[in-house]
Amino acid sequence: MKRKNFFSKKLTFLIVGVLAVLAFVRGQEQTWCLAGVFAVFTVWTLGGLLRTGIPRIKQALAAKRAARLHKRTTAEPQGSHVSEGRGPDETALLLHVNCRISDYLKSAYPDVTWEWRTKDPAKLAAEGGTGRIKLFGIPDFNYADVLFDHLARIECDMLRIVPFAELKGTSEPEAARPKSDMPVDPEVWYGIQGKKILESCIRDLNSHGHASLIIKENGEICARQADTEMVHDKFKNLPGKSVWNALVKVIENQGLSAAVVDNCIKVSW
């Protein structure tokens, strides 16, 4: 509406000005007066267009920049964030698949536990194919190839793989483990650091057939695999042994079973 009124005023001025010059001015002066009327009309019109047009151009450019930025930010997770780790949907899918594999194996080997040896098992479970897992607690086999077919069924081919270095009787010495004895409030420590790491370990280990884990003095979270211990994760600042009994009570308040055993804390679920 403002733009319509803008042109109406200019056009009215032009018509009235031309009629006034034609009516009251004669001779050479008439030409100059008409030129003056048209010049004023032109300058007035251009000035109004610039005042209204430049902001519109700026708004259009800003809108284009915002659209390009939005396109980049919405496309970015497909390239970077997804490659850095699994999303919550993929994690949930993998936990369900892990439980199915555990049930499948325990139907023949009740004491079996296992872990993935495939780079991206969540993608494998979603798209199908064959992935490798390592087995523990089975005397005759230590690996298996797990097949996900197009009907979402699971099959396992049992394997036994022996490294050449093991045949020669060689083994690498264990590195020295740093010890931690930090006098902190166990309840505060558990709420800030311990709970998140411990619950994540329990979910993953439970999906692989485990029912307990141990927390060593150096902060390592281990699970039993046949006759060996597997380091699953590690606390950076585990409270010292002087407050372990209090830490056990904090863990038990989360609905878990915990106890101090020898030089470690055993947690069961």
Protein backbone atom coordinates (compact mmCIF):
# COMPACT_ATOMS: atom_id res chain seq x y z
CA MET A 1 0.00 0.00 0.00
CA LYS A 2 2.82 2.42 0.83
CA ARG A 3 4.48 1.68 -2.47
CA LYS A 4 1.22 2.37 -4.34
CA ASN A 5 0.76 5.71 -2.53
CA PHE A 6 4.38 6.56 -3.31
CA PHE A 7 3.88 6.28 -7.09
CA SER A 8 0.46 7.95 -6.93
CA LYS A 9 1.92 11.07 -5.32
CA LYS A 10 4.72 11.27 -7.87
CA LEU A 11 2.37 10.79 -10.79
CA THR A 12 -0.06 13.41 -9.43
CA PHE A 13 2.79 15.88 -9.07
CA LEU A 14 3.91 15.25 -12.67
CA ILE A 15 0.42 15.70 -14.14
CA VAL A 16 -0.36 18.83 -12.12
CA GLY A 17 3.03 20.32 -12.85
CA VAL A 18 2.77 19.74 -16.62
CA LEU A 19 -0.78 21.16 -16.77
CA ALA A 20 0.24 24.22 -14.74
CA VAL A 21 3.21 24.95 -17.02
CA LEU A 22 1.09 24.53 -20.16
CA ALA A 23 -1.60 26.79 -18.77
CA PHE A 24 0.45 29.66 -17.38
CA VAL A 25 3.82 29.64 -19.19
CA ARG A 26 4.45 30.50 -22.85
CA GLY A 27 7.43 30.67 -25.15
CA GLN A 28 10.94 29.47 -24.39
CA GLU A 29 10.27 29.53 -20.65
CA GLN A 30 7.63 26.81 -21.10
CA THR A 31 10.27 24.31 -22.31
CA TRP A 32 12.53 25.03 -19.34
CA CYS A 33 9.68 24.78 -16.88
CA LEU A 34 8.55 21.44 -18.32
CA ALA A 35 12.14 20.18 -18.14
CA GLY A 36 12.29 21.31 -14.50
CA VAL A 37 9.05 19.49 -13.67
CA PHE A 38 10.32 16.26 -15.27
CA ALA A 39 13.70 16.65 -13.51
CA VAL A 40 12.05 17.06 -10.09
CA PHE A 41 9.79 14.07 -10.83
CA THR A 42 12.77 11.92 -11.86
CA VAL A 43 14.93 12.83 -8.84
CA TRP A 44 12.03 12.37 -6.43
CA THR A 45 11.14 8.98 -7.90
CA LEU A 46 14.73 7.68 -7.94
CA GLY A 47 15.28 8.84 -4.36
CA GLY A 48 12.23 6.96 -3.16
CA LEU A 49 13.23 3.84 -5.06
CA LEU A 50 16.69 3.89 -3.52
CA ARG A 51 15.30 4.31 0.00
CA THR A 52 12.97 1.33 -0.39
CA GLY A 53 15.00 -0.78 -2.79
CA ILE A 54 18.39 -0.94 -1.00
CA PRO A 55 16.95 -2.45 2.22
CA ARG A 56 15.08 -5.00 0.12
CA ILE A 57 18.29 -5.96 -1.67
CA LYS A 58 20.10 -6.29 1.67
CA GLN A 59 17.30 -8.45 3.02
CA ALA A 60 17.43 -10.69 -0.05
CA LEU A 61 21.22 -11.10 0.25
CA ALA A 62 20.93 -11.85 3.97
CA ALA A 63 18.25 -14.45 3.26
CA LYS A 64 20.48 -16.16 0.69
CA ARG A 65 23.41 -16.23 3.12
CA ALA A 66 21.19 -17.71 5.85
CA ALA A 67 19.90 -20.37 3.44
CA ARG A 68 23.46 -21.37 2.47
CA LEU A 69 24.50 -21.53 6.14
CA HIS A 70 21.46 -23.63 7.04
CA LYS A 71 22.22 -26.01 4.19
CA ARG A 72 25.81 -26.47 5.38
CA THR A 73 24.84 -27.01 9.03
CA THR A 74 22.12 -29.54 8.20
CA ALA A 75 24.40 -31.45 5.84
CA GLU A 76 27.41 -31.46 8.19
CA PRO A 77 26.32 -34.30 10.53
CA GLN A 78 26.14 -36.65 7.57
CA GLY A 79 29.85 -36.28 7.00
CA SER A 80 31.53 -35.57 10.33
CA HIS A 81 29.46 -36.35 13.39
CA VAL A 82 28.26 -39.71 12.19
CA SER A 83 31.79 -40.80 11.40
CA GLU A 84 32.96 -39.88 14.94
CA GLY A 85 30.60 -42.25 16.73
CA ARG A 86 27.27 -44.04 16.77
CA GLY A 87 24.03 -42.20 17.37
CA PRO A 88 21.50 -43.27 20.03
CA ASP A 89 19.39 -45.24 17.52
CA GLU A 90 22.40 -47.21 16.29
CA THR A 91 23.54 -47.88 19.86
CA ALA A 92 20.11 -49.21 20.83
CA LEU A 93 19.99 -51.40 17.71
CA LEU A 94 23.44 -52.81 18.46
CA LEU A 95 22.52 -53.64 22.06
CA HIS A 96 19.46 -55.59 20.84
CA VAL A 97 21.56 -57.45 18.28
CA ASN A 98 24.19 -58.23 20.93
CA CYS A 99 21.52 -59.79 23.14
CA ARG A 100 20.30 -61.95 20.26
CA ILE A 101 23.83 -63.19 19.59
CA SER A 102 24.33 -63.93 23.30
CA ASP A 103 21.08 -65.93 23.45
CA TYR A 104 22.08 -67.80 20.29
CA LEU A 105 25.49 -68.79 21.67
CA LYS A 106 24.31 -69.56 25.22
CA SER A 107 21.78 -72.05 23.87
CA ALA A 108 24.78 -74.32 23.18
CA TYR A 109 27.48 -72.84 25.47
CA PRO A 110 25.92 -71.41 28.67
CA ASP A 111 29.20 -69.91 29.96
CA VAL A 112 30.20 -68.13 26.76
CA THR A 113 31.03 -64.43 26.58
CA TRP A 114 32.18 -62.57 23.50
CA GLU A 115 33.19 -59.28 21.92
CA TRP A 116 33.15 -57.77 18.43
CA ARG A 117 36.10 -57.92 16.08
CA THR A 118 34.28 -56.04 13.30
CA LYS A 119 34.81 -52.31 12.72
CA ASP A 120 31.15 -51.20 12.49
CA PRO A 121 28.81 -53.89 13.85
CA ALA A 122 25.79 -51.53 13.99
CA LYS A 123 25.97 -50.97 10.23
CA LEU A 124 26.42 -54.70 9.71
CA ALA A 125 23.30 -55.47 11.75
CA ALA A 126 21.24 -52.89 9.84
CA GLU A 127 22.38 -53.80 6.33
CA GLY A 128 23.21 -57.51 6.72
CA GLY A 129 26.43 -59.37 6.05
CA THR A 130 29.05 -61.27 8.01
CA GLY A 131 31.05 -60.01 10.99
CA ARG A 132 33.60 -61.61 13.29
CA ILE A 133 33.41 -61.95 17.06
CA LYS A 134 35.88 -63.32 19.61
CA LEU A 135 34.62 -66.04 21.96
CA PHE A 136 35.55 -66.75 25.57
CA GLY A 137 34.60 -69.72 27.72
CA ILE A 138 34.44 -72.29 24.88
CA PRO A 139 37.33 -74.80 24.93
CA ASP A 140 37.29 -75.69 21.22
CA PHE A 141 36.65 -72.32 19.59
CA ASN A 142 37.87 -68.75 20.12
CA TYR A 143 36.22 -66.90 17.18
CA ALA A 144 33.00 -67.04 15.19
CA ASP A 145 31.71 -65.47 11.98
CA VAL A 146 28.19 -64.12 12.55
CA LEU A 147 25.91 -63.94 9.51
CA PHE A 148 22.91 -61.59 9.31
CA ASP A 149 20.79 -62.71 6.36
CA HIS A 150 18.07 -60.82 4.47
CA LEU A 151 15.40 -62.31 6.76
CA ALA A 152 17.09 -60.87 9.88
CA ARG A 153 18.19 -64.31 11.01
CA ILE A 154 21.51 -64.96 12.77
CA GLU A 155 23.86 -67.86 12.08
CA CYS A 156 27.35 -68.52 13.47
CA ASP A 157 30.28 -70.39 11.97
CA MET A 158 32.56 -71.43 14.83
CA LEU A 159 36.30 -70.94 14.33
CA ARG A 160 39.57 -71.56 16.13
CA ILE A 161 42.40 -69.17 15.24
CA VAL A 162 45.86 -69.48 16.80
CA PRO A 163 48.42 -66.68 16.25
CA PHE A 164 51.81 -67.81 15.05
CA ALA A 165 53.50 -66.01 17.97
CA GLU A 166 51.44 -68.10 20.39
CA LEU A 167 52.67 -71.28 18.74
CA LYS A 168 56.23 -70.16 19.41
CA GLY A 169 55.41 -69.54 23.06
CA THR A 170 56.12 -65.81 22.94
CA SER A 171 54.12 -63.24 24.80
CA GLU A 172 54.44 -59.54 25.41
CA PRO A 173 55.11 -58.36 28.99
CA GLU A 174 52.39 -56.34 30.61
CA ALA A 175 53.04 -52.63 30.96
CA ALA A 176 53.22 -51.11 34.41
CA ARG A 177 49.87 -49.79 35.52
CA PRO A 178 49.63 -46.40 37.26
CA LYS A 179 47.93 -46.44 40.64
CA SER A 180 45.35 -43.96 41.88
CA ASP A 181 44.63 -43.10 45.50
CA MET A 182 42.66 -39.86 45.48
CA PRO A 183 40.82 -38.94 48.71
CA VAL A 184 37.52 -37.77 47.22
CA ASP A 185 33.89 -37.98 48.28
CA PRO A 186 32.70 -41.26 46.68
CA GLU A 187 29.11 -40.05 46.27
CA VAL A 188 30.18 -36.88 44.48
CA TRP A 189 32.72 -38.78 42.36
CA TYR A 190 30.11 -41.36 41.36
CA GLY A 191 27.59 -38.71 40.37
CA ILE A 192 30.09 -36.74 38.26
CA GLN A 193 32.16 -39.49 36.63
CA GLY A 194 31.48 -43.00 37.87
CA LYS A 195 27.79 -43.44 37.10
CA LYS A 196 27.97 -42.66 33.39
CA ILE A 197 30.99 -44.90 32.73
CA LEU A 198 29.77 -47.78 34.90
CA GLU A 199 26.25 -47.85 33.44
CA SER A 200 27.67 -47.79 29.92
CA CYS A 201 29.95 -50.75 30.73
CA ILE A 202 27.11 -52.71 32.33
CA ARG A 203 24.82 -52.23 29.30
CA ASP A 204 27.50 -53.37 26.91
CA LEU A 205 28.78 -56.29 28.99
CA ASN A 206 25.25 -57.50 29.75
CA SER A 207 24.46 -57.58 26.03
CA HIS A 208 27.52 -59.82 25.57
CA GLY A 209 26.43 -62.33 28.21
CA HIS A 210 28.29 -61.01 31.27
CA ALA A 211 26.68 -60.74 34.69
CA SER A 212 29.43 -59.02 36.66
CA LEU A 213 32.57 -56.89 36.44
CA ILE A 214 35.43 -55.90 38.68
CA ILE A 215 36.96 -52.48 39.31
CA LYS A 216 40.67 -52.62 40.03
CA GLU A 217 42.65 -50.26 42.23
CA ASN A 218 44.15 -48.51 39.19
CA GLY A 219 40.65 -47.73 37.85
CA GLU A 220 40.43 -50.46 35.21
CA ILE A 221 36.98 -51.96 34.65
CA CYS A 222 37.44 -55.63 33.77
CA ALA A 223 35.23 -58.55 32.83
CA ARG A 224 36.08 -62.20 33.07
CA GLN A 225 36.65 -63.97 29.76
CA ALA A 226 37.18 -67.68 30.42
CA ASP A 227 40.45 -67.76 32.40
CA THR A 228 41.51 -64.21 31.55
CA GLU A 229 40.38 -60.69 32.35
CA MET A 230 39.37 -58.22 29.65
CA VAL A 231 39.85 -54.50 30.32
CA HIS A 232 36.61 -52.91 29.15
CA ASP A 233 37.08 -49.30 30.29
CA LYS A 234 38.89 -47.26 32.93
CA PHE A 235 38.09 -44.62 35.50
CA LYS A 236 40.49 -41.70 35.42
CA ASN A 237 40.28 -40.85 39.14
CA LEU A 238 39.03 -43.82 41.13
CA PRO A 239 38.78 -43.02 44.89
CA GLY A 240 41.36 -44.71 47.12
CA LYS A 241 40.76 -47.96 49.00
CA SER A 242 40.10 -46.07 52.23
CA VAL A 243 36.64 -45.05 50.90
CA TRP A 244 35.78 -48.19 48.95
CA ASN A 245 33.22 -49.38 51.51
CA ALA A 246 31.39 -46.06 51.16
CA LEU A 247 31.64 -46.30 47.35
CA VAL A 248 30.12 -49.80 47.47
CA LYS A 249 27.09 -48.40 49.35
CA VAL A 250 26.69 -45.68 46.71
CA ILE A 251 26.72 -48.32 43.94
CA GLU A 252 24.22 -50.49 45.82
CA ASN A 253 21.87 -47.50 46.08
CA GLN A 254 21.67 -47.66 42.26
CA GLY A 255 20.08 -51.12 42.43
CA LEU A 256 23.29 -53.06 41.82
CA SER A 257 25.13 -55.62 43.93
CA ALA A 258 28.64 -54.58 44.98
CA ALA A 259 31.33 -55.80 47.38
CA VAL A 260 35.00 -55.25 48.11
CA VAL A 261 36.85 -58.44 47.12
CA ASP A 262 40.63 -58.63 47.66
CA ASN A 263 42.10 -55.60 45.87
CA CYS A 264 39.07 -54.79 43.71
CA ILE A 265 35.36 -53.95 43.78
CA LYS A 266 33.05 -56.56 42.29
CA VAL A 267 29.77 -55.28 40.77
CA SER A 268 26.99 -57.67 39.75
CA TRP A 269 23.58 -57.15 38.15
